[in-house]
Amino acid sequence: MNDHKPANPKNNTPAICKDFHSTIEFIGKRWVGVIIFSLLKGPKRYHEILDEIPGISDRLLTERLRGLEREGLVVKKVDLSSQKKVEYELTPAGKDLEKVISAIMHWLKQKGKK
């Protein structure tokens, strides 16, 4: 006889919901998804990202890039050779979001066809 009771999924719900909500809130911040989408194409300099995203301000791009760095999704690479060159690149964790971004893009295309 098996006395082991199945785990109550409600016991884990608050932690799962909190983590899920935090992640969605972060990724859903204005411009974050677009910045990630831009960097999925490869490393870019600050002004390349700024030029690629119409409507984003310098201040907000800087703020979002710093947030992405803190979350471990973006790395800032500084080349101190002849000229100071700064590039932003997705980390492996940031690149893992490609499937999520692609799924959202697919959903948007399908939604547009209806």
C-alpha atoms as a PDB file:
ATOM      1  CA  MET A   1       0.000   0.000   0.000  1.00  0.00           C
ATOM      2  CA  ASN A   2       1.353   3.405  -0.974  1.00  0.00           C
ATOM      3  CA  ASP A   3       0.965   5.954   1.828  1.00  0.00           C
ATOM      4  CA  HIS A   4       2.690   8.653  -0.196  1.00  0.00           C
ATOM      5  CA  LYS A   5       0.285  11.450  -0.999  1.00  0.00           C
ATOM      6  CA  PRO A   6       0.728  13.376  -4.232  1.00  0.00           C
ATOM      7  CA  ALA A   7       2.134  16.847  -3.779  1.00  0.00           C
ATOM      8  CA  ASN A   8      -0.469  19.541  -3.520  1.00  0.00           C
ATOM      9  CA  PRO A   9       0.180  21.867  -6.478  1.00  0.00           C
ATOM     10  CA  LYS A  10      -1.280  24.749  -4.457  1.00  0.00           C
ATOM     11  CA  ASN A  11       1.698  24.550  -2.075  1.00  0.00           C
ATOM     12  CA  ASN A  12       4.041  25.706  -4.853  1.00  0.00           C
ATOM     13  CA  THR A  13       1.677  28.165  -6.468  1.00  0.00           C
ATOM     14  CA  PRO A  14       2.740  31.338  -4.634  1.00  0.00           C
ATOM     15  CA  ALA A  15       6.441  30.895  -5.482  1.00  0.00           C
ATOM     16  CA  ILE A  16       5.709  29.888  -9.073  1.00  0.00           C
ATOM     17  CA  CYS A  17       3.249  32.738  -9.527  1.00  0.00           C
ATOM     18  CA  LYS A  18       5.685  35.231  -8.010  1.00  0.00           C
ATOM     19  CA  ASP A  19       8.559  34.098 -10.245  1.00  0.00           C
ATOM     20  CA  PHE A  20       6.337  33.982 -13.334  1.00  0.00           C
ATOM     21  CA  HIS A  21       4.859  37.387 -12.592  1.00  0.00           C
ATOM     22  CA  SER A  22       8.286  38.950 -11.969  1.00  0.00           C
ATOM     23  CA  THR A  23       9.640  37.524 -15.216  1.00  0.00           C
ATOM     24  CA  ILE A  24       6.661  38.669 -17.275  1.00  0.00           C
ATOM     25  CA  GLU A  25       6.807  42.115 -15.670  1.00  0.00           C
ATOM     26  CA  PHE A  26      10.512  42.430 -16.490  1.00  0.00           C
ATOM     27  CA  ILE A  27      10.298  41.176 -20.079  1.00  0.00           C
ATOM     28  CA  GLY A  28       7.119  43.191 -20.581  1.00  0.00           C
ATOM     29  CA  LYS A  29       8.701  46.492 -19.571  1.00  0.00           C
ATOM     30  CA  ARG A  30       8.505  48.990 -22.363  1.00  0.00           C
ATOM     31  CA  TRP A  31      11.324  48.430 -24.881  1.00  0.00           C
ATOM     32  CA  VAL A  32      12.926  45.396 -23.155  1.00  0.00           C
ATOM     33  CA  GLY A  33      11.549  42.879 -25.659  1.00  0.00           C
ATOM     34  CA  VAL A  34      12.504  45.088 -28.599  1.00  0.00           C
ATOM     35  CA  ILE A  35      16.045  45.525 -27.266  1.00  0.00           C
ATOM     36  CA  ILE A  36      16.396  41.751 -26.852  1.00  0.00           C
ATOM     37  CA  PHE A  37      14.975  41.248 -30.359  1.00  0.00           C
ATOM     38  CA  SER A  38      17.547  43.717 -31.720  1.00  0.00           C
ATOM     39  CA  LEU A  39      20.431  41.973 -29.958  1.00  0.00           C
ATOM     40  CA  LEU A  40      19.326  38.539 -31.185  1.00  0.00           C
ATOM     41  CA  LYS A  41      20.805  39.614 -34.531  1.00  0.00           C
ATOM     42  CA  GLY A  42      24.226  39.960 -32.889  1.00  0.00           C
ATOM     43  CA  PRO A  43      26.305  42.388 -30.826  1.00  0.00           C
ATOM     44  CA  LYS A  44      25.577  46.056 -31.355  1.00  0.00           C
ATOM     45  CA  ARG A  45      26.942  49.401 -30.334  1.00  0.00           C
ATOM     46  CA  TYR A  46      24.726  51.668 -28.258  1.00  0.00           C
ATOM     47  CA  HIS A  47      23.844  54.010 -31.116  1.00  0.00           C
ATOM     48  CA  GLU A  48      23.045  51.096 -33.425  1.00  0.00           C
ATOM     49  CA  ILE A  49      20.424  49.939 -30.936  1.00  0.00           C
ATOM     50  CA  LEU A  50      19.177  53.500 -30.485  1.00  0.00           C
ATOM     51  CA  ASP A  51      18.865  53.991 -34.264  1.00  0.00           C
ATOM     52  CA  GLU A  52      17.080  50.653 -34.700  1.00  0.00           C
ATOM     53  CA  ILE A  53      14.363  51.443 -32.144  1.00  0.00           C
ATOM     54  CA  PRO A  54      12.431  54.569 -33.111  1.00  0.00           C
ATOM     55  CA  GLY A  55      10.912  56.403 -30.187  1.00  0.00           C
ATOM     56  CA  ILE A  56      13.215  55.195 -27.402  1.00  0.00           C
ATOM     57  CA  SER A  57      15.108  57.909 -25.531  1.00  0.00           C
ATOM     58  CA  ASP A  58      18.801  57.817 -24.609  1.00  0.00           C
ATOM     59  CA  ARG A  59      17.926  57.738 -20.927  1.00  0.00           C
ATOM     60  CA  LEU A  60      15.465  54.862 -21.261  1.00  0.00           C
ATOM     61  CA  LEU A  61      17.777  52.792 -23.472  1.00  0.00           C
ATOM     62  CA  THR A  62      20.556  53.206 -20.916  1.00  0.00           C
ATOM     63  CA  GLU A  63      18.197  52.247 -18.091  1.00  0.00           C
ATOM     64  CA  ARG A  64      16.898  49.163 -19.900  1.00  0.00           C
ATOM     65  CA  LEU A  65      20.383  47.989 -20.922  1.00  0.00           C
ATOM     66  CA  ARG A  66      21.545  48.300 -17.308  1.00  0.00           C
ATOM     67  CA  GLY A  67      18.536  46.285 -16.164  1.00  0.00           C
ATOM     68  CA  LEU A  68      19.284  43.604 -18.740  1.00  0.00           C
ATOM     69  CA  GLU A  69      22.888  43.516 -17.513  1.00  0.00           C
ATOM     70  CA  ARG A  70      21.762  43.156 -13.873  1.00  0.00           C
ATOM     71  CA  GLU A  71      19.491  40.268 -14.872  1.00  0.00           C
ATOM     72  CA  GLY A  72      22.407  38.541 -16.626  1.00  0.00           C
ATOM     73  CA  LEU A  73      20.809  38.750 -20.077  1.00  0.00           C
ATOM     74  CA  VAL A  74      23.167  41.282 -21.653  1.00  0.00           C
ATOM     75  CA  VAL A  75      26.885  41.871 -21.336  1.00  0.00           C
ATOM     76  CA  LYS A  76      28.578  45.186 -22.038  1.00  0.00           C
ATOM     77  CA  LYS A  77      31.931  44.718 -23.753  1.00  0.00           C
ATOM     78  CA  VAL A  78      34.413  47.589 -23.730  1.00  0.00           C
ATOM     79  CA  ASP A  79      37.304  47.570 -26.202  1.00  0.00           C
ATOM     80  CA  LEU A  80      39.931  50.037 -25.019  1.00  0.00           C
ATOM     81  CA  SER A  81      42.086  49.751 -28.132  1.00  0.00           C
ATOM     82  CA  SER A  82      42.599  52.839 -30.329  1.00  0.00           C
ATOM     83  CA  GLN A  83      39.100  54.191 -29.631  1.00  0.00           C
ATOM     84  CA  LYS A  84      36.818  53.360 -26.776  1.00  0.00           C
ATOM     85  CA  LYS A  85      34.324  50.964 -28.348  1.00  0.00           C
ATOM     86  CA  VAL A  86      31.370  49.614 -26.388  1.00  0.00           C
ATOM     87  CA  GLU A  87      29.168  46.792 -27.619  1.00  0.00           C
ATOM     88  CA  TYR A  88      26.200  45.080 -26.053  1.00  0.00           C
ATOM     89  CA  GLU A  89      25.677  41.387 -26.557  1.00  0.00           C
ATOM     90  CA  LEU A  90      23.221  38.829 -25.259  1.00  0.00           C
ATOM     91  CA  THR A  91      24.560  36.300 -22.804  1.00  0.00           C
ATOM     92  CA  PRO A  92      23.645  32.633 -23.263  1.00  0.00           C
ATOM     93  CA  ALA A  93      20.671  33.253 -20.925  1.00  0.00           C
ATOM     94  CA  GLY A  94      19.636  36.198 -23.097  1.00  0.00           C
ATOM     95  CA  LYS A  95      19.972  34.107 -26.247  1.00  0.00           C
ATOM     96  CA  ASP A  96      17.697  31.505 -24.652  1.00  0.00           C
ATOM     97  CA  LEU A  97      14.903  34.073 -24.976  1.00  0.00           C
ATOM     98  CA  GLU A  98      15.017  33.707 -28.773  1.00  0.00           C
ATOM     99  CA  LYS A  99      12.402  30.928 -28.614  1.00  0.00           C
ATOM    100  CA  VAL A 100      10.126  33.121 -26.503  1.00  0.00           C
ATOM    101  CA  ILE A 101      10.555  36.169 -28.761  1.00  0.00           C
ATOM    102  CA  SER A 102      10.025  34.009 -31.872  1.00  0.00           C
ATOM    103  CA  ALA A 103       6.863  32.534 -30.370  1.00  0.00           C
ATOM    104  CA  ILE A 104       5.534  36.020 -29.644  1.00  0.00           C
ATOM    105  CA  MET A 105       6.358  37.170 -33.183  1.00  0.00           C
ATOM    106  CA  HIS A 106       4.610  34.081 -34.607  1.00  0.00           C
ATOM    107  CA  TRP A 107       1.572  34.738 -32.412  1.00  0.00           C
ATOM    108  CA  LEU A 108       1.448  38.366 -33.605  1.00  0.00           C
ATOM    109  CA  LYS A 109       1.586  37.288 -37.248  1.00  0.00           C
ATOM    110  CA  GLN A 110      -1.194  34.755 -36.710  1.00  0.00           C
ATOM    111  CA  LYS A 111      -3.262  37.300 -34.822  1.00  0.00           C
ATOM    112  CA  GLY A 112      -2.866  39.737 -37.714  1.00  0.00           C
ATOM    113  CA  LYS A 113      -4.249  37.179 -40.176  1.00  0.00           C
ATOM    114  CA  LYS A 114      -7.545  36.863 -38.302  1.00  0.00           C
END
